[in-house]
Amino acid sequence: MTKTADYDLPSGVVGLTGPIDKPAPGTLPIRGDLAHIALAHRYLAAHYVIPQLRTVAEGGATFLLQMRDNADPGVALDAGTEIEVLDVAGDWIWACCGPEGPSGYLRSASLAA
């Protein structure tokens, strides 16, 4: 069973207040369509996600910077590391280690049952 991460919903107005620099891939958990709920006060996205907590399986895993097997690697994750799943597309998971990152893509087999 998955557990929802404990984050408060933003209060007040959420919107653009000026230009921002786009974070580098693999850093903050934000992309064009989705962002981590904890970033709602800093970044505008079409949708915000309250993550589901999961654990990295035995053997560990490495975040990939894009959703393909030959993508550049990001941060290596040890087995047993708790991560926050933000999106699932087929066999791919988009996840992060928290609202300040790092973030990346993993195959679902990289997660403990």
N, C-alpha and C. Protein backbone atom coordinates (compact mmCIF):
# COMPACT_ATOMS: atom_id res chain seq x y z
N MET A 1 0.84 -1.17 0.00
CA MET A 1 0.00 0.00 0.00
C MET A 1 0.88 1.24 0.00
N THR A 2 0.48 2.24 -0.75
CA THR A 2 1.26 3.47 -0.79
C THR A 2 0.73 4.46 0.22
N LYS A 3 1.59 5.34 0.64
CA LYS A 3 1.25 6.35 1.64
C LYS A 3 1.46 7.72 1.00
N THR A 4 0.55 8.64 1.25
CA THR A 4 0.67 9.99 0.72
C THR A 4 1.65 10.78 1.57
N ALA A 5 2.51 11.54 0.91
CA ALA A 5 3.44 12.41 1.62
C ALA A 5 2.66 13.50 2.33
N ASP A 6 3.19 14.01 3.42
CA ASP A 6 2.49 14.99 4.24
C ASP A 6 2.91 16.41 3.85
N TYR A 7 2.12 17.04 2.98
CA TYR A 7 2.36 18.42 2.57
C TYR A 7 1.06 19.18 2.68
N ASP A 8 1.14 20.44 3.08
CA ASP A 8 -0.03 21.30 3.16
C ASP A 8 -0.33 21.89 1.79
N LEU A 9 -1.61 22.08 1.50
CA LEU A 9 -2.00 22.77 0.28
C LEU A 9 -1.65 24.24 0.42
N PRO A 10 -1.30 24.89 -0.70
CA PRO A 10 -0.95 26.31 -0.61
C PRO A 10 -2.15 27.15 -0.20
N SER A 11 -1.89 28.23 0.49
CA SER A 11 -2.96 29.16 0.85
C SER A 11 -2.72 30.47 0.11
N GLY A 12 -3.76 31.24 -0.07
CA GLY A 12 -3.63 32.50 -0.78
C GLY A 12 -3.63 32.29 -2.28
N VAL A 13 -3.25 33.33 -3.00
CA VAL A 13 -3.25 33.30 -4.46
C VAL A 13 -2.00 32.58 -4.95
N VAL A 14 -2.20 31.66 -5.89
CA VAL A 14 -1.09 30.97 -6.54
C VAL A 14 -1.06 31.46 -7.98
N GLY A 15 0.02 32.07 -8.40
CA GLY A 15 0.10 32.58 -9.77
C GLY A 15 1.46 33.18 -10.04
N LEU A 16 1.62 33.65 -11.25
CA LEU A 16 2.87 34.27 -11.64
C LEU A 16 2.97 35.68 -11.06
N THR A 17 4.10 36.00 -10.52
CA THR A 17 4.33 37.35 -10.01
C THR A 17 5.51 38.00 -10.72
N GLY A 18 6.12 37.29 -11.64
CA GLY A 18 7.25 37.81 -12.39
C GLY A 18 8.00 36.67 -13.05
N PRO A 19 9.03 36.97 -13.80
CA PRO A 19 9.78 35.92 -14.50
C PRO A 19 10.54 35.03 -13.52
N ILE A 20 10.74 33.78 -13.93
CA ILE A 20 11.53 32.83 -13.14
C ILE A 20 12.52 32.14 -14.06
N ASP A 21 13.57 31.62 -13.49
CA ASP A 21 14.51 30.80 -14.24
C ASP A 21 14.03 29.36 -14.19
N LYS A 22 14.03 28.71 -15.34
CA LYS A 22 13.62 27.31 -15.41
C LYS A 22 14.69 26.44 -14.75
N PRO A 23 14.30 25.60 -13.79
CA PRO A 23 15.28 24.73 -13.13
C PRO A 23 15.89 23.72 -14.11
N ALA A 24 17.12 23.35 -13.88
CA ALA A 24 17.79 22.35 -14.72
C ALA A 24 17.13 20.99 -14.53
N PRO A 25 17.12 20.15 -15.58
CA PRO A 25 16.56 18.80 -15.44
C PRO A 25 17.25 18.05 -14.30
N GLY A 26 16.45 17.29 -13.57
CA GLY A 26 17.00 16.48 -12.48
C GLY A 26 17.12 17.21 -11.16
N THR A 27 16.75 18.48 -11.15
CA THR A 27 16.83 19.24 -9.90
C THR A 27 15.44 19.29 -9.27
N LEU A 28 14.78 20.43 -9.32
CA LEU A 28 13.46 20.57 -8.70
C LEU A 28 12.41 19.70 -9.41
N PRO A 29 11.45 19.17 -8.67
CA PRO A 29 10.40 18.33 -9.26
C PRO A 29 9.31 19.19 -9.91
N ILE A 30 9.66 19.75 -11.07
CA ILE A 30 8.72 20.54 -11.86
C ILE A 30 9.00 20.28 -13.32
N ARG A 31 7.94 20.14 -14.09
CA ARG A 31 8.05 20.03 -15.54
C ARG A 31 6.89 20.82 -16.14
N GLY A 32 6.74 20.85 -17.43
CA GLY A 32 5.74 21.70 -18.06
C GLY A 32 4.31 21.47 -17.60
N ASP A 33 3.97 20.23 -17.29
CA ASP A 33 2.58 19.91 -16.95
C ASP A 33 2.34 19.68 -15.47
N LEU A 34 3.35 19.33 -14.71
CA LEU A 34 3.19 18.96 -13.30
C LEU A 34 4.27 19.58 -12.44
N ALA A 35 3.92 19.79 -11.18
CA ALA A 35 4.91 20.23 -10.19
C ALA A 35 4.53 19.66 -8.84
N HIS A 36 5.52 19.48 -8.01
CA HIS A 36 5.33 19.06 -6.62
C HIS A 36 4.48 20.12 -5.90
N ILE A 37 3.54 19.71 -5.10
CA ILE A 37 2.63 20.63 -4.40
C ILE A 37 3.38 21.65 -3.56
N ALA A 38 4.52 21.28 -3.01
CA ALA A 38 5.29 22.21 -2.17
C ALA A 38 5.91 23.35 -2.97
N LEU A 39 5.90 23.25 -4.30
CA LEU A 39 6.46 24.32 -5.14
C LEU A 39 5.40 25.29 -5.64
N ALA A 40 4.14 25.09 -5.26
CA ALA A 40 3.04 25.89 -5.79
C ALA A 40 3.20 27.39 -5.51
N HIS A 41 3.83 27.72 -4.42
CA HIS A 41 4.01 29.14 -4.09
C HIS A 41 5.15 29.79 -4.87
N ARG A 42 5.98 28.96 -5.54
CA ARG A 42 7.14 29.50 -6.27
C ARG A 42 7.06 29.33 -7.77
N TYR A 43 6.35 28.29 -8.25
CA TYR A 43 6.31 27.98 -9.68
C TYR A 43 4.88 27.73 -10.12
N LEU A 44 4.54 28.23 -11.31
CA LEU A 44 3.22 27.99 -11.87
C LEU A 44 3.27 26.75 -12.75
N ALA A 45 2.35 25.84 -12.54
CA ALA A 45 2.23 24.63 -13.36
C ALA A 45 0.76 24.38 -13.62
N ALA A 46 0.47 23.61 -14.66
CA ALA A 46 -0.92 23.28 -14.97
C ALA A 46 -1.56 22.47 -13.84
N HIS A 47 -0.77 21.60 -13.22
CA HIS A 47 -1.28 20.73 -12.15
C HIS A 47 -0.20 20.59 -11.08
N TYR A 48 -0.65 20.44 -9.84
CA TYR A 48 0.25 20.18 -8.72
C TYR A 48 -0.08 18.81 -8.15
N VAL A 49 0.93 18.11 -7.69
CA VAL A 49 0.78 16.73 -7.24
C VAL A 49 1.17 16.60 -5.78
N ILE A 50 0.32 15.92 -5.00
CA ILE A 50 0.70 15.48 -3.66
C ILE A 50 1.30 14.09 -3.86
N PRO A 51 2.60 13.93 -3.60
CA PRO A 51 3.28 12.68 -3.95
C PRO A 51 2.86 11.49 -3.10
N GLN A 52 3.08 10.32 -3.68
CA GLN A 52 2.90 9.04 -2.99
C GLN A 52 4.29 8.55 -2.57
N LEU A 53 4.43 8.13 -1.33
CA LEU A 53 5.72 7.65 -0.84
C LEU A 53 5.94 6.21 -1.26
N ARG A 54 7.12 5.94 -1.78
CA ARG A 54 7.52 4.59 -2.16
C ARG A 54 8.98 4.40 -1.77
N THR A 55 9.45 3.17 -1.86
CA THR A 55 10.81 2.82 -1.46
C THR A 55 11.55 2.20 -2.63
N VAL A 56 12.82 2.56 -2.79
CA VAL A 56 13.66 1.99 -3.84
C VAL A 56 13.95 0.53 -3.50
N ALA A 57 13.85 -0.34 -4.50
CA ALA A 57 14.04 -1.78 -4.32
C ALA A 57 15.51 -2.13 -4.11
N GLU A 58 15.74 -3.40 -3.76
CA GLU A 58 17.10 -3.92 -3.62
C GLU A 58 17.87 -3.66 -4.90
N GLY A 59 19.14 -3.35 -4.75
CA GLY A 59 19.97 -3.07 -5.91
C GLY A 59 20.06 -1.59 -6.23
N GLY A 60 19.17 -0.79 -5.63
CA GLY A 60 19.19 0.64 -5.86
C GLY A 60 18.69 1.01 -7.24
N ALA A 61 18.81 2.27 -7.58
CA ALA A 61 18.35 2.78 -8.86
C ALA A 61 19.04 4.11 -9.12
N THR A 62 18.91 4.58 -10.34
CA THR A 62 19.44 5.89 -10.71
C THR A 62 18.34 6.68 -11.42
N PHE A 63 18.12 7.90 -10.97
CA PHE A 63 17.19 8.77 -11.69
C PHE A 63 17.75 9.01 -13.09
N LEU A 64 16.87 8.97 -14.08
CA LEU A 64 17.23 9.34 -15.45
C LEU A 64 16.63 10.72 -15.72
N LEU A 65 17.30 11.52 -16.55
CA LEU A 65 16.85 12.88 -16.79
C LEU A 65 15.71 12.97 -17.79
N GLN A 66 15.47 11.90 -18.53
CA GLN A 66 14.33 11.83 -19.45
C GLN A 66 13.71 10.45 -19.35
N MET A 67 12.52 10.30 -19.89
CA MET A 67 11.79 9.04 -19.79
C MET A 67 12.19 8.12 -20.95
N ARG A 68 13.44 7.68 -20.92
CA ARG A 68 13.92 6.69 -21.88
C ARG A 68 15.16 6.02 -21.29
N ASP A 69 15.37 4.77 -21.66
CA ASP A 69 16.45 3.99 -21.05
C ASP A 69 17.84 4.53 -21.33
N ASN A 70 18.04 5.20 -22.46
CA ASN A 70 19.38 5.71 -22.79
C ASN A 70 19.56 7.18 -22.41
N ALA A 71 18.70 7.70 -21.54
CA ALA A 71 18.80 9.09 -21.09
C ALA A 71 20.02 9.28 -20.18
N ASP A 72 20.44 10.52 -20.07
CA ASP A 72 21.55 10.84 -19.17
C ASP A 72 21.16 10.49 -17.73
N PRO A 73 22.09 9.90 -16.98
CA PRO A 73 21.79 9.55 -15.59
C PRO A 73 21.82 10.78 -14.69
N GLY A 74 21.01 10.71 -13.65
CA GLY A 74 21.01 11.75 -12.62
C GLY A 74 21.58 11.17 -11.34
N VAL A 75 20.90 11.37 -10.27
CA VAL A 75 21.36 10.95 -8.95
C VAL A 75 21.13 9.45 -8.73
N ALA A 76 22.13 8.78 -8.15
CA ALA A 76 22.00 7.37 -7.78
C ALA A 76 21.27 7.28 -6.43
N LEU A 77 20.38 6.30 -6.33
CA LEU A 77 19.58 6.09 -5.12
C LEU A 77 19.91 4.74 -4.51
N ASP A 78 20.18 4.70 -3.23
CA ASP A 78 20.45 3.45 -2.54
C ASP A 78 19.16 2.67 -2.32
N ALA A 79 19.29 1.35 -2.24
CA ALA A 79 18.14 0.51 -1.88
C ALA A 79 17.59 0.97 -0.54
N GLY A 80 16.27 0.99 -0.42
CA GLY A 80 15.64 1.41 0.82
C GLY A 80 15.38 2.90 0.93
N THR A 81 15.87 3.68 -0.03
CA THR A 81 15.63 5.12 -0.02
C THR A 81 14.15 5.40 -0.26
N GLU A 82 13.56 6.25 0.57
CA GLU A 82 12.16 6.64 0.36
C GLU A 82 12.13 7.78 -0.65
N ILE A 83 11.29 7.61 -1.69
CA ILE A 83 11.14 8.64 -2.70
C ILE A 83 9.67 9.03 -2.80
N GLU A 84 9.42 10.13 -3.47
CA GLU A 84 8.07 10.65 -3.63
C GLU A 84 7.67 10.53 -5.10
N VAL A 85 6.70 9.67 -5.39
CA VAL A 85 6.24 9.44 -6.76
C VAL A 85 5.24 10.53 -7.14
N LEU A 86 5.51 11.18 -8.27
CA LEU A 86 4.67 12.28 -8.74
C LEU A 86 3.81 11.90 -9.94
N ASP A 87 4.28 10.98 -10.77
CA ASP A 87 3.53 10.61 -11.97
C ASP A 87 3.92 9.20 -12.39
N VAL A 88 2.96 8.50 -12.98
CA VAL A 88 3.18 7.16 -13.51
C VAL A 88 2.67 7.15 -14.94
N ALA A 89 3.50 6.70 -15.87
CA ALA A 89 3.12 6.59 -17.28
C ALA A 89 3.60 5.23 -17.77
N GLY A 90 2.69 4.27 -17.83
CA GLY A 90 3.08 2.92 -18.21
C GLY A 90 4.02 2.35 -17.17
N ASP A 91 5.22 1.95 -17.61
CA ASP A 91 6.23 1.37 -16.73
C ASP A 91 7.16 2.43 -16.12
N TRP A 92 6.94 3.69 -16.45
CA TRP A 92 7.82 4.76 -15.99
C TRP A 92 7.22 5.50 -14.80
N ILE A 93 8.11 5.90 -13.89
CA ILE A 93 7.75 6.67 -12.71
C ILE A 93 8.53 7.98 -12.76
N TRP A 94 7.87 9.09 -12.51
CA TRP A 94 8.57 10.36 -12.31
C TRP A 94 8.51 10.63 -10.82
N ALA A 95 9.66 10.81 -10.20
CA ALA A 95 9.73 10.90 -8.74
C ALA A 95 10.80 11.89 -8.31
N CYS A 96 10.83 12.12 -7.01
CA CYS A 96 11.84 13.02 -6.44
C CYS A 96 12.18 12.55 -5.03
N CYS A 97 13.21 13.15 -4.48
CA CYS A 97 13.59 12.86 -3.09
C CYS A 97 12.97 13.86 -2.12
N GLY A 98 12.24 14.81 -2.62
CA GLY A 98 11.59 15.84 -1.82
C GLY A 98 11.35 17.05 -2.69
N PRO A 99 10.71 18.07 -2.17
CA PRO A 99 10.36 19.23 -2.99
C PRO A 99 11.55 20.04 -3.51
N GLU A 100 12.70 19.86 -2.93
CA GLU A 100 13.89 20.55 -3.42
C GLU A 100 14.74 19.65 -4.32
N GLY A 101 14.21 18.44 -4.65
CA GLY A 101 14.91 17.53 -5.54
C GLY A 101 15.87 16.64 -4.79
N PRO A 102 16.64 15.90 -5.53
CA PRO A 102 16.63 15.78 -6.98
C PRO A 102 15.39 15.04 -7.47
N SER A 103 15.21 15.06 -8.80
CA SER A 103 14.07 14.39 -9.41
C SER A 103 14.54 13.65 -10.65
N GLY A 104 13.68 12.76 -11.14
CA GLY A 104 14.02 12.03 -12.36
C GLY A 104 13.05 10.91 -12.62
N TYR A 105 13.37 10.14 -13.63
CA TYR A 105 12.53 9.03 -14.07
C TYR A 105 13.16 7.70 -13.70
N LEU A 106 12.31 6.73 -13.36
CA LEU A 106 12.72 5.37 -13.02
C LEU A 106 11.73 4.40 -13.65
N ARG A 107 12.17 3.19 -13.88
CA ARG A 107 11.24 2.12 -14.24
C ARG A 107 10.54 1.67 -12.95
N SER A 108 9.29 1.26 -13.07
CA SER A 108 8.52 0.86 -11.88
C SER A 108 9.15 -0.34 -11.17
N ALA A 109 9.90 -1.17 -11.90
CA ALA A 109 10.57 -2.31 -11.28
C ALA A 109 11.65 -1.87 -10.28
N SER A 110 12.03 -0.60 -10.32
CA SER A 110 13.04 -0.08 -9.39
C SER A 110 12.48 0.18 -8.00
N LEU A 111 11.15 0.04 -7.85
CA LEU A 111 10.51 0.30 -6.56
C LEU A 111 10.18 -1.00 -5.85
N ALA A 112 10.30 -0.98 -4.54
CA ALA A 112 9.94 -2.16 -3.73
C ALA A 112 8.43 -2.38 -3.83
N ALA A 113 8.05 -3.65 -3.71
CA ALA A 113 6.62 -3.99 -3.79
C ALA A 113 5.85 -3.48 -2.61
